[in-house]
Amino acid sequence: MLTINAAVLLAVIVVLRLRRRTEARSRSDEKLTVVIVLALGVLLAPTPVGQGMLEFLTQLIQGVSQSGP
């Protein structure tokens, strides 16, 4: 039996949609892409991958804020 993870499916859809030329997109198309990306974020957030990304971004932001004046 073949199962497809919803987050992987959404990630593939996002990559395919973002590869299109900007001129070929309408406003509704851009809004749909934003909704899909938000749904992908919601699906990734509670996973170990999402937590790792959050930790990495937190450390990056802390490093940048500490190196500033």
PDB file of N, CA and C in Angstrom:
ATOM      1  N   MET A   1       0.849  -1.178   0.000  1.00  0.00           N
ATOM      2  CA  MET A   1       0.000   0.000   0.000  1.00  0.00           C
ATOM      3  C   MET A   1       0.894   1.241   0.000  1.00  0.00           C
ATOM      4  N   LEU A   2       0.556   2.203  -0.835  1.00  0.00           N
ATOM      5  CA  LEU A   2       1.323   3.433  -0.954  1.00  0.00           C
ATOM      6  C   LEU A   2       0.646   4.523  -0.139  1.00  0.00           C
ATOM      7  N   THR A   3       1.408   5.137   0.754  1.00  0.00           N
ATOM      8  CA  THR A   3       0.877   6.262   1.513  1.00  0.00           C
ATOM      9  C   THR A   3       1.728   7.482   1.204  1.00  0.00           C
ATOM     10  N   ILE A   4       1.085   8.630   1.144  1.00  0.00           N
ATOM     11  CA  ILE A   4       1.775   9.885   0.853  1.00  0.00           C
ATOM     12  C   ILE A   4       1.591  10.816   2.039  1.00  0.00           C
ATOM     13  N   ASN A   5       2.698  11.293   2.557  1.00  0.00           N
ATOM     14  CA  ASN A   5       2.646  12.248   3.641  1.00  0.00           C
ATOM     15  C   ASN A   5       2.100  13.574   3.103  1.00  0.00           C
ATOM     16  N   ALA A   6       1.137  14.165   3.801  1.00  0.00           N
ATOM     17  CA  ALA A   6       0.516  15.406   3.339  1.00  0.00           C
ATOM     18  C   ALA A   6       1.535  16.541   3.258  1.00  0.00           C
ATOM     19  N   ALA A   7       2.477  16.586   4.182  1.00  0.00           N
ATOM     20  CA  ALA A   7       3.487  17.649   4.165  1.00  0.00           C
ATOM     21  C   ALA A   7       4.391  17.513   2.938  1.00  0.00           C
ATOM     22  N   VAL A   8       4.757  16.296   2.595  1.00  0.00           N
ATOM     23  CA  VAL A   8       5.602  16.084   1.410  1.00  0.00           C
ATOM     24  C   VAL A   8       4.838  16.465   0.148  1.00  0.00           C
ATOM     25  N   LEU A   9       3.586  16.080   0.076  1.00  0.00           N
ATOM     26  CA  LEU A   9       2.762  16.428  -1.076  1.00  0.00           C
ATOM     27  C   LEU A   9       2.640  17.949  -1.221  1.00  0.00           C
ATOM     28  N   LEU A  10       2.390  18.647  -0.121  1.00  0.00           N
ATOM     29  CA  LEU A  10       2.289  20.105  -0.177  1.00  0.00           C
ATOM     30  C   LEU A  10       3.620  20.742  -0.557  1.00  0.00           C
ATOM     31  N   ALA A  11       4.726  20.187  -0.064  1.00  0.00           N
ATOM     32  CA  ALA A  11       6.042  20.721  -0.413  1.00  0.00           C
ATOM     33  C   ALA A  11       6.294  20.593  -1.912  1.00  0.00           C
ATOM     34  N   VAL A  12       5.916  19.468  -2.492  1.00  0.00           N
ATOM     35  CA  VAL A  12       6.078  19.284  -3.938  1.00  0.00           C
ATOM     36  C   VAL A  12       5.208  20.279  -4.699  1.00  0.00           C
ATOM     37  N   ILE A  13       3.985  20.477  -4.248  1.00  0.00           N
ATOM     38  CA  ILE A  13       3.083  21.435  -4.896  1.00  0.00           C
ATOM     39  C   ILE A  13       3.661  22.848  -4.824  1.00  0.00           C
ATOM     40  N   VAL A  14       4.205  23.219  -3.674  1.00  0.00           N
ATOM     41  CA  VAL A  14       4.790  24.553  -3.520  1.00  0.00           C
ATOM     42  C   VAL A  14       5.961  24.733  -4.473  1.00  0.00           C
ATOM     43  N   VAL A  15       6.840  23.750  -4.541  1.00  0.00           N
ATOM     44  CA  VAL A  15       7.999  23.852  -5.441  1.00  0.00           C
ATOM     45  C   VAL A  15       7.539  23.991  -6.887  1.00  0.00           C
ATOM     46  N   LEU A  16       6.572  23.208  -7.298  1.00  0.00           N
ATOM     47  CA  LEU A  16       6.078  23.293  -8.671  1.00  0.00           C
ATOM     48  C   LEU A  16       5.435  24.644  -8.958  1.00  0.00           C
ATOM     49  N   ARG A  17       4.689  25.170  -7.988  1.00  0.00           N
ATOM     50  CA  ARG A  17       4.030  26.460  -8.188  1.00  0.00           C
ATOM     51  C   ARG A  17       5.030  27.610  -8.219  1.00  0.00           C
ATOM     52  N   LEU A  18       6.074  27.526  -7.423  1.00  0.00           N
ATOM     53  CA  LEU A  18       7.043  28.616  -7.373  1.00  0.00           C
ATOM     54  C   LEU A  18       7.995  28.599  -8.565  1.00  0.00           C
ATOM     55  N   ARG A  19       8.074  27.504  -9.288  1.00  0.00           N
ATOM     56  CA  ARG A  19       8.941  27.433 -10.463  1.00  0.00           C
ATOM     57  C   ARG A  19       8.350  28.187 -11.642  1.00  0.00           C
ATOM     58  N   ARG A  20       7.058  28.476 -11.596  1.00  0.00           N
ATOM     59  CA  ARG A  20       6.419  29.199 -12.699  1.00  0.00           C
ATOM     60  C   ARG A  20       6.894  30.641 -12.741  1.00  0.00           C
ATOM     61  N   ARG A  21       6.859  31.218 -13.906  1.00  0.00           N
ATOM     62  CA  ARG A  21       7.263  32.614 -14.054  1.00  0.00           C
ATOM     63  C   ARG A  21       6.308  33.525 -13.296  1.00  0.00           C
ATOM     64  N   THR A  22       6.848  34.599 -12.756  1.00  0.00           N
ATOM     65  CA  THR A  22       6.046  35.543 -11.975  1.00  0.00           C
ATOM     66  C   THR A  22       4.970  36.200 -12.834  1.00  0.00           C
ATOM     67  N   GLU A  23       5.294  36.499 -14.079  1.00  0.00           N
ATOM     68  CA  GLU A  23       4.337  37.181 -14.952  1.00  0.00           C
ATOM     69  C   GLU A  23       3.113  36.331 -15.243  1.00  0.00           C
ATOM     70  N   ALA A  24       3.257  35.013 -15.122  1.00  0.00           N
ATOM     71  CA  ALA A  24       2.153  34.117 -15.452  1.00  0.00           C
ATOM     72  C   ALA A  24       1.182  33.924 -14.293  1.00  0.00           C
ATOM     73  N   ARG A  25       1.430  34.565 -13.170  1.00  0.00           N
ATOM     74  CA  ARG A  25       0.583  34.366 -11.990  1.00  0.00           C
ATOM     75  C   ARG A  25      -0.440  35.484 -11.839  1.00  0.00           C
ATOM     76  N   SER A  26      -1.645  35.111 -11.485  1.00  0.00           N
ATOM     77  CA  SER A  26      -2.671  36.098 -11.164  1.00  0.00           C
ATOM     78  C   SER A  26      -2.695  36.303  -9.649  1.00  0.00           C
ATOM     79  N   ARG A  27      -3.446  37.282  -9.207  1.00  0.00           N
ATOM     80  CA  ARG A  27      -3.534  37.529  -7.760  1.00  0.00           C
ATOM     81  C   ARG A  27      -4.139  36.340  -7.026  1.00  0.00           C
ATOM     82  N   SER A  28      -5.155  35.754  -7.602  1.00  0.00           N
ATOM     83  CA  SER A  28      -5.783  34.597  -6.944  1.00  0.00           C
ATOM     84  C   SER A  28      -4.813  33.413  -6.898  1.00  0.00           C
ATOM     85  N   ASP A  29      -3.981  33.275  -7.924  1.00  0.00           N
ATOM     86  CA  ASP A  29      -2.977  32.218  -7.946  1.00  0.00           C
ATOM     87  C   ASP A  29      -1.949  32.440  -6.840  1.00  0.00           C
ATOM     88  N   GLU A  30      -1.534  33.689  -6.656  1.00  0.00           N
ATOM     89  CA  GLU A  30      -0.580  34.005  -5.583  1.00  0.00           C
ATOM     90  C   GLU A  30      -1.194  33.765  -4.211  1.00  0.00           C
ATOM     91  N   LYS A  31      -2.463  34.123  -4.045  1.00  0.00           N
ATOM     92  CA  LYS A  31      -3.139  33.896  -2.766  1.00  0.00           C
ATOM     93  C   LYS A  31      -3.237  32.405  -2.460  1.00  0.00           C
ATOM     94  N   LEU A  32      -3.530  31.599  -3.475  1.00  0.00           N
ATOM     95  CA  LEU A  32      -3.606  30.154  -3.281  1.00  0.00           C
ATOM     96  C   LEU A  32      -2.251  29.598  -2.866  1.00  0.00           C
ATOM     97  N   THR A  33      -1.175  30.113  -3.467  1.00  0.00           N
ATOM     98  CA  THR A  33       0.170  29.675  -3.095  1.00  0.00           C
ATOM     99  C   THR A  33       0.459  30.010  -1.637  1.00  0.00           C
ATOM    100  N   VAL A  34       0.057  31.188  -1.188  1.00  0.00           N
ATOM    101  CA  VAL A  34       0.261  31.587   0.205  1.00  0.00           C
ATOM    102  C   VAL A  34      -0.497  30.663   1.144  1.00  0.00           C
ATOM    103  N   VAL A  35      -1.724  30.327   0.806  1.00  0.00           N
ATOM    104  CA  VAL A  35      -2.526  29.427   1.640  1.00  0.00           C
ATOM    105  C   VAL A  35      -1.876  28.044   1.714  1.00  0.00           C
ATOM    106  N   ILE A  36      -1.370  27.558   0.598  1.00  0.00           N
ATOM    107  CA  ILE A  36      -0.719  26.252   0.583  1.00  0.00           C
ATOM    108  C   ILE A  36       0.546  26.269   1.437  1.00  0.00           C
ATOM    109  N   VAL A  37       1.331  27.346   1.334  1.00  0.00           N
ATOM    110  CA  VAL A  37       2.555  27.454   2.135  1.00  0.00           C
ATOM    111  C   VAL A  37       2.216  27.529   3.624  1.00  0.00           C
ATOM    112  N   LEU A  38       1.166  28.260   3.983  1.00  0.00           N
ATOM    113  CA  LEU A  38       0.750  28.316   5.395  1.00  0.00           C
ATOM    114  C   LEU A  38       0.310  26.938   5.892  1.00  0.00           C
ATOM    115  N   ALA A  39      -0.424  26.208   5.073  1.00  0.00           N
ATOM    116  CA  ALA A  39      -0.838  24.854   5.454  1.00  0.00           C
ATOM    117  C   ALA A  39       0.382  23.954   5.634  1.00  0.00           C
ATOM    118  N   LEU A  40       1.370  24.098   4.765  1.00  0.00           N
ATOM    119  CA  LEU A  40       2.605  23.318   4.897  1.00  0.00           C
ATOM    120  C   LEU A  40       3.299  23.659   6.211  1.00  0.00           C
ATOM    121  N   GLY A  41       3.333  24.937   6.563  1.00  0.00           N
ATOM    122  CA  GLY A  41       3.944  25.344   7.833  1.00  0.00           C
ATOM    123  C   GLY A  41       3.229  24.754   9.029  1.00  0.00           C
ATOM    124  N   VAL A  42       1.917  24.726   8.971  1.00  0.00           N
ATOM    125  CA  VAL A  42       1.136  24.154  10.079  1.00  0.00           C
ATOM    126  C   VAL A  42       1.408  22.657  10.206  1.00  0.00           C
ATOM    127  N   LEU A  43       1.563  21.969   9.079  1.00  0.00           N
ATOM    128  CA  LEU A  43       1.841  20.533   9.125  1.00  0.00           C
ATOM    129  C   LEU A  43       3.263  20.243   9.595  1.00  0.00           C
ATOM    130  N   LEU A  44       4.217  21.103   9.259  1.00  0.00           N
ATOM    131  CA  LEU A  44       5.609  20.872   9.639  1.00  0.00           C
ATOM    132  C   LEU A  44       5.926  21.285  11.077  1.00  0.00           C
ATOM    133  N   ALA A  45       5.206  22.245  11.611  1.00  0.00           N
ATOM    134  CA  ALA A  45       5.543  22.814  12.918  1.00  0.00           C
ATOM    135  C   ALA A  45       5.683  21.782  14.039  1.00  0.00           C
ATOM    136  N   PRO A  46       4.769  20.847  14.218  1.00  0.00           N
ATOM    137  CA  PRO A  46       4.904  19.919  15.350  1.00  0.00           C
ATOM    138  C   PRO A  46       5.866  18.754  15.115  1.00  0.00           C
ATOM    139  N   THR A  47       6.412  18.634  13.926  1.00  0.00           N
ATOM    140  CA  THR A  47       7.289  17.507  13.619  1.00  0.00           C
ATOM    141  C   THR A  47       8.712  17.788  14.088  1.00  0.00           C
ATOM    142  N   PRO A  48       9.550  16.762  14.210  1.00  0.00           N
ATOM    143  CA  PRO A  48      10.961  16.979  14.574  1.00  0.00           C
ATOM    144  C   PRO A  48      11.687  17.895  13.588  1.00  0.00           C
ATOM    145  N   VAL A  49      11.340  17.790  12.308  1.00  0.00           N
ATOM    146  CA  VAL A  49      11.953  18.677  11.310  1.00  0.00           C
ATOM    147  C   VAL A  49      11.566  20.125  11.588  1.00  0.00           C
ATOM    148  N   GLY A  50      10.300  20.351  11.866  1.00  0.00           N
ATOM    149  CA  GLY A  50       9.832  21.698  12.173  1.00  0.00           C
ATOM    150  C   GLY A  50      10.470  22.253  13.436  1.00  0.00           C
ATOM    151  N   GLN A  51      10.615  21.413  14.450  1.00  0.00           N
ATOM    152  CA  GLN A  51      11.254  21.855  15.698  1.00  0.00           C
ATOM    153  C   GLN A  51      12.728  22.178  15.470  1.00  0.00           C
ATOM    154  N   GLY A  52      13.397  21.371  14.634  1.00  0.00           N
ATOM    155  CA  GLY A  52      14.799  21.635  14.310  1.00  0.00           C
ATOM    156  C   GLY A  52      14.955  22.953  13.567  1.00  0.00           C
ATOM    157  N   MET A  53      14.049  23.227  12.625  1.00  0.00           N
ATOM    158  CA  MET A  53      14.085  24.494  11.904  1.00  0.00           C
ATOM    159  C   MET A  53      13.857  25.664  12.852  1.00  0.00           C
ATOM    160  N   LEU A  54      12.937  25.500  13.796  1.00  0.00           N
ATOM    161  CA  LEU A  54      12.668  26.554  14.773  1.00  0.00           C
ATOM    162  C   LEU A  54      13.895  26.818  15.638  1.00  0.00           C
ATOM    163  N   GLU A  55      14.552  25.767  16.106  1.00  0.00           N
ATOM    164  CA  GLU A  55      15.763  25.935  16.915  1.00  0.00           C
ATOM    165  C   GLU A  55      16.864  26.623  16.120  1.00  0.00           C
ATOM    166  N   PHE A  56      17.051  26.220  14.858  1.00  0.00           N
ATOM    167  CA  PHE A  56      18.070  26.835  14.005  1.00  0.00           C
ATOM    168  C   PHE A  56      17.784  28.320  13.809  1.00  0.00           C
ATOM    169  N   LEU A  57      16.538  28.655  13.490  1.00  0.00           N
ATOM    170  CA  LEU A  57      16.194  30.061  13.283  1.00  0.00           C
ATOM    171  C   LEU A  57      16.334  30.870  14.566  1.00  0.00           C
ATOM    172  N   THR A  58      15.988  30.273  15.696  1.00  0.00           N
ATOM    173  CA  THR A  58      16.133  30.962  16.982  1.00  0.00           C
ATOM    174  C   THR A  58      17.600  31.269  17.263  1.00  0.00           C
ATOM    175  N   GLN A  59      18.467  30.294  17.035  1.00  0.00           N
ATOM    176  CA  GLN A  59      19.897  30.523  17.256  1.00  0.00           C
ATOM    177  C   GLN A  59      20.447  31.549  16.274  1.00  0.00           C
ATOM    178  N   LEU A  60      20.003  31.502  15.040  1.00  0.00           N
ATOM    179  CA  LEU A  60      20.453  32.464  14.038  1.00  0.00           C
ATOM    180  C   LEU A  60      20.040  33.875  14.415  1.00  0.00           C
ATOM    181  N   ILE A  61      18.814  34.049  14.830  1.00  0.00           N
ATOM    182  CA  ILE A  61      18.324  35.380  15.217  1.00  0.00           C
ATOM    183  C   ILE A  61      19.049  35.879  16.455  1.00  0.00           C
ATOM    184  N   GLN A  62      19.294  35.009  17.423  1.00  0.00           N
ATOM    185  CA  GLN A  62      20.021  35.418  18.625  1.00  0.00           C
ATOM    186  C   GLN A  62      21.458  35.810  18.275  1.00  0.00           C
ATOM    187  N   GLY A  63      22.092  35.073  17.383  1.00  0.00           N
ATOM    188  CA  GLY A  63      23.462  35.401  16.969  1.00  0.00           C
ATOM    189  C   GLY A  63      23.524  36.735  16.251  1.00  0.00           C
ATOM    190  N   VAL A  64      22.548  37.001  15.388  1.00  0.00           N
ATOM    191  CA  VAL A  64      22.532  38.269  14.657  1.00  0.00           C
ATOM    192  C   VAL A  64      22.246  39.429  15.611  1.00  0.00           C
ATOM    193  N   SER A  65      21.329  39.232  16.542  1.00  0.00           N
ATOM    194  CA  SER A  65      20.987  40.323  17.459  1.00  0.00           C
ATOM    195  C   SER A  65      22.125  40.609  18.441  1.00  0.00           C
ATOM    196  N   GLN A  66      22.910  39.592  18.810  1.00  0.00           N
ATOM    197  CA  GLN A  66      24.040  39.804  19.726  1.00  0.00           C
ATOM    198  C   GLN A  66      25.230  40.450  19.025  1.00  0.00           C
ATOM    199  N   SER A  67      25.379  40.235  17.720  1.00  0.00           N
ATOM    200  CA  SER A  67      26.520  40.796  17.004  1.00  0.00           C
ATOM    201  C   SER A  67      26.267  42.234  16.590  1.00  0.00           C
ATOM    202  N   GLY A  68      25.041  42.708  16.703  1.00  0.00           N
ATOM    203  CA  GLY A  68      24.710  44.091  16.341  1.00  0.00           C
ATOM    204  C   GLY A  68      25.232  45.090  17.359  1.00  0.00           C
ATOM    205  N   PRO A  69      25.127  46.391  17.015  1.00  0.00           N
ATOM    206  CA  PRO A  69      25.638  47.436  17.944  1.00  0.00           C
ATOM    207  C   PRO A  69      24.882  47.555  19.227  1.00  0.00           C
TER     208      PRO A  69
END
